[in-house]
Amino acid sequence: MIWPFNHFRPPRTPSRGTIETIYGMIVAQARAPAFYQQYGVADTVNGRFEMIVVHLWLVLRRGRAVQDASTFAQALFDYFCSDLDANLRELGVGDLTVPKRMQAFGEAFYGRSAAYDLAMTEGDEALAIALNRNVLDGADIENARRLTSYVRQAIETLDAVEPSRLRAGELRFPALPAA
């Protein structure tokens, strides 16, 4: 018998440890030396931020297939924000400036996510243009095309992960060429 009151419970939020593990994997992949040495991403705070955004977008895109996707996505995004906040403070950004910077980061994330989602519907060249504009500062369309190929591989690799396994913190990214 299905208990009808189960439908009134709030969706189960993934454990903090699981979210921390997933976010750690995102950051580890985003910091892979190949992106900075072979794909032309600037090895700067901004370049690293852009790569984290790309990988977070990839995981959240895959996460849409997870049961209670909104709680999963919110928990992961909240962890991303708390990490950015901590990093800003570590860099010495003042308490009065942090909220403005966090708002700008949130807007940047949502703007890039929307651009990447739209580009995905338009094809590889549109995605390369979006990646070139955001990740490579419009400087290198050829590396953006290579990055697009990586993003397509990442989507295939992540799509192969069962939704329940993703929710449990088991995800994979494609291998990158040795740096």
Protein backbone atom coordinates (compact mmCIF):
# COMPACT_ATOMS: atom_id res chain seq x y z
CA MET A 1 0.00 0.00 0.00
CA ILE A 2 1.29 3.44 -0.90
CA TRP A 3 1.14 5.76 2.03
CA PRO A 4 -0.44 9.01 0.72
CA PHE A 5 1.29 11.29 3.19
CA ASN A 6 4.70 10.45 1.70
CA HIS A 7 3.87 12.95 -1.03
CA PHE A 8 3.83 15.78 1.51
CA ARG A 9 7.38 15.26 2.71
CA PRO A 10 9.95 17.70 1.43
CA PRO A 11 12.36 16.20 -1.11
CA ARG A 12 15.39 14.54 0.44
CA THR A 13 18.50 16.70 0.23
CA PRO A 14 21.70 14.82 -0.60
CA SER A 15 24.07 14.61 2.34
CA ARG A 16 26.65 17.34 2.75
CA GLY A 17 29.38 14.72 2.37
CA THR A 18 28.00 13.63 -0.99
CA ILE A 19 27.72 17.20 -2.24
CA GLU A 20 31.23 17.92 -0.97
CA THR A 21 32.53 14.85 -2.83
CA ILE A 22 30.80 15.83 -6.07
CA TYR A 23 32.01 19.41 -5.82
CA GLY A 24 35.53 18.21 -5.07
CA MET A 25 35.48 16.12 -8.23
CA ILE A 26 34.25 19.12 -10.23
CA VAL A 27 37.06 21.31 -8.91
CA ALA A 28 39.69 18.62 -9.41
CA GLN A 29 38.68 18.16 -13.04
CA ALA A 30 38.46 21.91 -13.62
CA ARG A 31 42.01 22.31 -12.33
CA ALA A 32 43.49 19.65 -14.60
CA PRO A 33 46.70 21.08 -16.09
CA ALA A 34 45.69 20.12 -19.65
CA PHE A 35 43.04 22.87 -19.73
CA TYR A 36 45.67 25.51 -19.01
CA GLN A 37 48.55 24.02 -20.98
CA GLN A 38 46.80 22.55 -24.02
CA TYR A 39 43.36 24.13 -24.32
CA GLY A 40 44.46 27.74 -23.90
CA VAL A 41 42.53 28.52 -20.72
CA ALA A 42 44.27 31.29 -18.77
CA ASP A 43 45.79 29.94 -15.57
CA THR A 44 44.33 32.77 -13.52
CA VAL A 45 41.61 33.14 -10.91
CA ASN A 46 39.16 34.00 -13.71
CA GLY A 47 40.27 31.10 -15.90
CA ARG A 48 39.87 28.65 -13.04
CA PHE A 49 36.47 30.11 -12.17
CA GLU A 50 35.34 29.64 -15.78
CA MET A 51 36.44 25.99 -15.79
CA ILE A 52 34.63 25.32 -12.51
CA VAL A 53 31.50 26.92 -13.99
CA VAL A 54 31.74 24.72 -17.11
CA HIS A 55 32.08 21.56 -15.02
CA LEU A 56 29.38 22.57 -12.55
CA TRP A 57 27.07 23.26 -15.49
CA LEU A 58 27.90 19.82 -16.93
CA VAL A 59 27.05 18.06 -13.65
CA LEU A 60 23.89 20.09 -13.08
CA ARG A 61 22.84 19.38 -16.66
CA ARG A 62 23.20 15.66 -15.95
CA GLY A 63 21.62 16.13 -12.55
CA ARG A 64 18.32 17.09 -14.17
CA ALA A 65 17.70 13.35 -14.55
CA VAL A 66 18.08 12.77 -10.80
CA GLN A 67 14.99 12.30 -8.65
CA ASP A 68 14.41 15.50 -6.68
CA ALA A 69 16.75 17.27 -9.11
CA SER A 70 15.98 20.70 -7.70
CA THR A 71 17.21 19.80 -4.20
CA PHE A 72 20.32 18.17 -5.66
CA ALA A 73 21.02 21.20 -7.86
CA GLN A 74 20.37 23.67 -5.05
CA ALA A 75 22.63 21.83 -2.62
CA LEU A 76 25.44 21.70 -5.20
CA PHE A 77 25.00 25.37 -6.15
CA ASP A 78 24.94 26.39 -2.48
CA TYR A 79 28.21 24.53 -1.90
CA PHE A 80 29.72 26.28 -4.93
CA CYS A 81 28.66 29.65 -3.48
CA SER A 82 30.07 28.88 -0.04
CA ASP A 83 33.36 27.84 -1.67
CA LEU A 84 33.50 31.08 -3.66
CA ASP A 85 32.71 33.09 -0.54
CA ALA A 86 35.51 31.36 1.38
CA ASN A 87 37.95 31.89 -1.49
CA LEU A 88 37.12 35.59 -1.73
CA ARG A 89 37.75 36.02 1.98
CA GLU A 90 40.99 34.07 1.68
CA LEU A 91 42.09 36.44 -1.09
CA GLY A 92 41.50 39.34 1.30
CA VAL A 93 38.29 40.73 -0.17
CA GLY A 94 36.58 42.87 2.45
CA ASP A 95 33.33 41.92 4.16
CA LEU A 96 31.45 44.79 2.51
CA THR A 97 32.57 43.77 -0.98
CA VAL A 98 31.93 40.03 -0.72
CA PRO A 99 28.11 40.22 -1.20
CA LYS A 100 28.50 42.31 -4.37
CA ARG A 101 31.08 39.89 -5.75
CA MET A 102 28.88 36.90 -4.86
CA GLN A 103 25.95 38.47 -6.69
CA ALA A 104 28.18 38.99 -9.74
CA PHE A 105 29.35 35.36 -9.55
CA GLY A 106 25.77 34.10 -9.35
CA GLU A 107 24.76 36.20 -12.34
CA ALA A 108 27.82 34.98 -14.24
CA PHE A 109 27.00 31.35 -13.48
CA TYR A 110 23.35 31.63 -14.53
CA GLY A 111 24.22 33.65 -17.63
CA ARG A 112 26.84 31.15 -18.75
CA SER A 113 24.58 28.19 -17.98
CA ALA A 114 21.82 29.69 -20.09
CA ALA A 115 24.28 30.45 -22.91
CA TYR A 116 25.67 26.90 -22.84
CA ASP A 117 22.19 25.35 -22.72
CA LEU A 118 21.08 27.44 -25.70
CA ALA A 119 24.28 26.69 -27.60
CA MET A 120 23.74 22.96 -27.04
CA THR A 121 20.50 23.19 -28.98
CA GLU A 122 22.19 25.07 -31.83
CA GLY A 123 25.18 22.80 -32.39
CA ASP A 124 28.90 22.53 -31.84
CA GLU A 125 29.89 25.81 -33.48
CA ALA A 126 27.47 27.76 -31.27
CA LEU A 127 28.90 26.00 -28.22
CA ALA A 128 32.44 26.79 -29.37
CA ILE A 129 31.49 30.46 -29.73
CA ALA A 130 29.96 30.51 -26.23
CA LEU A 131 33.01 28.79 -24.73
CA ASN A 132 35.35 31.09 -26.63
CA ARG A 133 33.51 34.17 -25.37
CA ASN A 134 33.31 33.05 -21.74
CA VAL A 135 36.29 30.80 -21.08
CA LEU A 136 38.87 32.10 -23.55
CA ASP A 137 37.86 35.79 -23.56
CA GLY A 138 37.09 35.60 -27.27
CA ALA A 139 40.75 35.04 -28.07
CA ASP A 140 41.00 31.54 -29.55
CA ILE A 141 38.19 29.88 -31.49
CA GLU A 142 40.37 26.85 -32.37
CA ASN A 143 40.98 26.04 -28.70
CA ALA A 144 37.30 26.71 -28.08
CA ARG A 145 36.47 24.05 -30.68
CA ARG A 146 38.80 21.62 -28.90
CA LEU A 147 37.11 22.52 -25.62
CA THR A 148 33.73 21.89 -27.27
CA SER A 149 34.90 18.40 -28.18
CA TYR A 150 35.87 17.84 -24.54
CA VAL A 151 32.46 19.12 -23.38
CA ARG A 152 30.70 16.70 -25.75
CA GLN A 153 32.82 13.83 -24.39
CA ALA A 154 32.04 14.93 -20.84
CA ILE A 155 28.33 14.93 -21.60
CA GLU A 156 28.55 11.40 -23.00
CA THR A 157 30.58 10.22 -20.01
CA LEU A 158 28.24 11.84 -17.48
CA ASP A 159 25.14 10.60 -19.32
CA ALA A 160 26.46 7.05 -18.87
CA VAL A 161 26.26 7.47 -15.08
CA GLU A 162 22.97 6.17 -13.69
CA PRO A 163 20.99 8.96 -11.98
CA SER A 164 20.95 7.10 -8.66
CA ARG A 165 24.73 6.71 -8.80
CA LEU A 166 25.17 10.40 -9.56
CA ARG A 167 23.05 11.28 -6.54
CA ALA A 168 25.30 9.00 -4.47
CA GLY A 169 28.35 10.98 -5.59
CA GLU A 170 29.63 8.63 -8.26
CA LEU A 171 30.48 10.58 -11.36
CA ARG A 172 33.16 10.47 -14.01
CA PHE A 173 34.71 12.90 -16.42
CA PRO A 174 36.58 11.94 -19.58
CA ALA A 175 40.33 11.53 -19.43
CA LEU A 176 42.35 14.48 -20.61
CA PRO A 177 45.58 14.34 -22.58
CA ALA A 178 48.68 14.29 -20.39
CA ALA A 179 49.98 17.76 -19.72
